[in-house]
Amino acid sequence: MIASDAKAREAIQSLPQVAVSDHPHLREHSLEVQIPFLQTVLDDFMLLPIAVGESTAAEVAEVLERVWDGEETVIVISSDLSHYHPYDTARRIDEQTARAIDSLARTDILPEEACGCRPINGMIRAARDHGLTAKRLDLRNSGDTAGPRDGVVGYGAWELR
């Protein structure tokens, strides 16, 4: 998450200290993966990492609201979608999840649908509160790119404006 200096400082001061897990799967969505991407697409930015843990959609939306500072605020949420289903099953599950994100109607996306369901659900809630709309940029799984199709992982990308 990137936020303006004043709001970010205020938000940081109100957040508890957290520990970061080094579980291998979590590294896919960690800062070490996100920062090079952000450095490529943004000239200069301030970064405010947020660990969601077991937070509810309402709690995530509340934190996002505290740091939301207008159009210059960019929020990045990283998550896989479904995991290790056969190709056709994964496509069906991921399409259902994608429709929920597309419409910003549901905040009950489950861990089986997206490992980052908690931040996604919070972002959906915050996006609705701000009158945003979601535009699906892509939806694929590992069977579409490089892997076998007997146990795939789903991926999608959205822009909310």
Protein backbone atom coordinates (compact mmCIF):
# COMPACT_ATOMS: atom_id res chain seq x y z
CA MET A 1 0.00 0.00 0.00
CA ILE A 2 1.27 3.43 -0.85
CA ALA A 3 -0.06 6.40 1.05
CA SER A 4 0.65 10.07 1.56
CA ASP A 5 3.16 10.95 4.28
CA ALA A 6 0.77 12.37 6.90
CA LYS A 7 -1.89 9.68 6.69
CA ALA A 8 0.70 6.91 6.50
CA ARG A 9 2.51 8.17 9.62
CA GLU A 10 -0.79 8.40 11.48
CA ALA A 11 -1.81 4.91 10.38
CA ILE A 12 1.58 3.42 11.25
CA GLN A 13 1.44 4.89 14.74
CA SER A 14 -1.93 3.26 15.38
CA LEU A 15 -0.97 -0.21 14.13
CA PRO A 16 0.26 -3.01 16.41
CA GLN A 17 3.63 -4.68 15.95
CA VAL A 18 3.45 -7.83 13.82
CA ALA A 19 5.59 -10.85 13.07
CA VAL A 20 6.01 -12.01 9.48
CA SER A 21 5.91 -15.70 8.65
CA ASP A 22 8.50 -17.09 6.26
CA HIS A 23 6.25 -19.93 5.06
CA PRO A 24 7.32 -20.55 1.43
CA HIS A 25 3.88 -19.86 -0.09
CA LEU A 26 3.58 -16.54 1.73
CA ARG A 27 6.77 -15.34 0.04
CA GLU A 28 4.90 -15.29 -3.28
CA HIS A 29 2.88 -12.38 -1.93
CA SER A 30 5.59 -10.75 0.13
CA LEU A 31 7.30 -7.41 -0.24
CA GLU A 32 10.33 -9.03 -1.85
CA VAL A 33 8.08 -9.89 -4.80
CA GLN A 34 5.96 -6.72 -4.82
CA ILE A 35 8.67 -4.05 -4.41
CA PRO A 36 10.51 -4.74 -7.70
CA PHE A 37 7.19 -4.50 -9.54
CA LEU A 38 6.32 -1.21 -7.81
CA GLN A 39 9.79 0.19 -8.52
CA THR A 40 9.27 -0.61 -12.19
CA VAL A 41 5.86 1.05 -12.56
CA LEU A 42 6.15 3.97 -10.10
CA ASP A 43 8.80 6.67 -10.03
CA ASP A 44 8.79 7.57 -6.36
CA PHE A 45 6.58 6.22 -3.63
CA MET A 46 6.14 5.66 0.07
CA LEU A 47 5.27 2.10 1.05
CA LEU A 48 3.08 1.04 3.97
CA PRO A 49 2.96 -2.78 4.28
CA ILE A 50 -0.08 -4.16 6.09
CA ALA A 51 -0.36 -7.69 7.47
CA VAL A 52 -4.00 -8.74 7.54
CA GLY A 53 -3.79 -11.99 9.51
CA GLU A 54 -7.21 -13.07 10.80
CA SER A 55 -8.83 -9.64 10.36
CA THR A 56 -12.41 -9.33 9.18
CA ALA A 57 -13.43 -7.55 5.98
CA ALA A 58 -14.70 -4.67 8.11
CA GLU A 59 -11.38 -4.37 9.95
CA VAL A 60 -9.38 -4.43 6.71
CA ALA A 61 -11.70 -1.82 5.18
CA GLU A 62 -11.27 0.37 8.28
CA VAL A 63 -7.46 0.29 8.00
CA LEU A 64 -7.65 1.02 4.27
CA GLU A 65 -9.92 3.97 5.01
CA ARG A 66 -7.37 5.38 7.47
CA VAL A 67 -4.65 5.50 4.85
CA TRP A 68 -6.76 6.20 1.78
CA ASP A 69 -5.71 9.64 0.60
CA GLY A 70 -7.31 10.10 -2.79
CA GLU A 71 -6.33 9.05 -6.28
CA GLU A 72 -2.61 9.14 -5.51
CA THR A 73 -3.06 6.25 -3.06
CA VAL A 74 -2.34 2.89 -4.71
CA ILE A 75 -3.43 -0.25 -2.89
CA VAL A 76 -1.91 -3.55 -3.98
CA ILE A 77 -3.36 -6.84 -2.77
CA SER A 78 -1.63 -10.03 -3.81
CA SER A 79 -3.34 -13.41 -3.68
CA ASP A 80 -3.62 -16.63 -5.61
CA LEU A 81 -7.09 -17.89 -6.37
CA SER A 82 -7.94 -21.61 -6.13
CA HIS A 83 -5.19 -24.16 -5.43
CA TYR A 84 -4.39 -27.58 -6.90
CA HIS A 85 -7.71 -28.47 -8.51
CA PRO A 86 -7.94 -30.05 -11.96
CA TYR A 87 -7.92 -27.43 -14.71
CA ASP A 88 -11.69 -27.34 -15.44
CA THR A 89 -12.64 -27.32 -11.75
CA ALA A 90 -10.21 -24.48 -11.07
CA ARG A 91 -11.58 -22.47 -14.00
CA ARG A 92 -15.12 -22.84 -12.62
CA ILE A 93 -14.11 -21.86 -9.05
CA ASP A 94 -11.94 -18.97 -10.23
CA GLU A 95 -14.65 -17.63 -12.55
CA GLN A 96 -17.08 -17.57 -9.60
CA THR A 97 -14.51 -15.70 -7.50
CA ALA A 98 -13.75 -13.35 -10.39
CA ARG A 99 -17.44 -12.50 -10.80
CA ALA A 100 -17.61 -11.64 -7.09
CA ILE A 101 -14.66 -9.28 -7.48
CA ASP A 102 -15.99 -7.89 -10.79
CA SER A 103 -19.30 -6.92 -9.18
CA LEU A 104 -17.87 -5.94 -5.77
CA ALA A 105 -21.04 -7.56 -4.41
CA ARG A 106 -19.68 -10.24 -2.10
CA THR A 107 -17.36 -9.96 0.86
CA ASP A 108 -17.56 -13.64 1.72
CA ILE A 109 -14.88 -14.99 -0.63
CA LEU A 110 -13.53 -18.08 1.14
CA PRO A 111 -9.95 -19.35 1.62
CA GLU A 112 -10.70 -22.18 -0.84
CA GLU A 113 -11.47 -19.52 -3.47
CA ALA A 114 -8.47 -17.24 -2.73
CA CYS A 115 -5.74 -17.65 -0.13
CA GLY A 116 -5.82 -13.86 0.35
CA CYS A 117 -9.58 -13.79 0.83
CA ARG A 118 -9.37 -11.54 3.91
CA PRO A 119 -7.62 -8.60 2.23
CA ILE A 120 -9.71 -9.13 -0.93
CA ASN A 121 -12.94 -9.04 1.08
CA GLY A 122 -11.79 -5.90 2.90
CA MET A 123 -10.83 -4.22 -0.35
CA ILE A 124 -14.21 -5.09 -1.88
CA ARG A 125 -15.94 -3.48 1.07
CA ALA A 126 -13.72 -0.38 0.91
CA ALA A 127 -14.18 -0.12 -2.86
CA ARG A 128 -17.96 -0.19 -2.49
CA ASP A 129 -17.76 2.49 0.22
CA HIS A 130 -15.79 4.68 -2.21
CA GLY A 131 -18.09 4.04 -5.16
CA LEU A 132 -15.38 2.30 -7.19
CA THR A 133 -15.87 -0.19 -9.98
CA ALA A 134 -13.73 -3.21 -10.78
CA LYS A 135 -12.27 -3.94 -14.19
CA ARG A 136 -10.96 -7.46 -14.75
CA LEU A 137 -7.61 -7.34 -16.53
CA ASP A 138 -6.94 -11.08 -16.74
CA LEU A 139 -7.92 -14.46 -15.31
CA ARG A 140 -5.79 -17.55 -15.84
CA ASN A 141 -4.26 -20.48 -14.06
CA SER A 142 -0.94 -22.27 -14.13
CA GLY A 143 -2.37 -24.75 -16.65
CA ASP A 144 -2.69 -21.88 -19.14
CA THR A 145 0.96 -20.96 -18.90
CA ALA A 146 3.62 -23.47 -18.00
CA GLY A 147 2.31 -26.32 -15.94
CA PRO A 148 0.36 -29.54 -16.15
CA ARG A 149 -3.41 -29.33 -15.83
CA ASP A 150 -4.05 -31.94 -13.15
CA GLY A 151 -3.46 -29.56 -10.22
CA VAL A 152 -3.39 -25.86 -11.09
CA VAL A 153 -3.26 -22.55 -9.21
CA GLY A 154 -5.51 -19.67 -10.29
CA TYR A 155 -4.46 -16.05 -10.82
CA GLY A 156 -6.31 -12.89 -11.72
CA ALA A 157 -5.72 -9.17 -11.97
CA TRP A 158 -8.16 -6.30 -11.42
CA GLU A 159 -8.04 -2.55 -11.44
CA LEU A 160 -10.43 -0.69 -9.16
CA ARG A 161 -11.25 2.93 -9.95
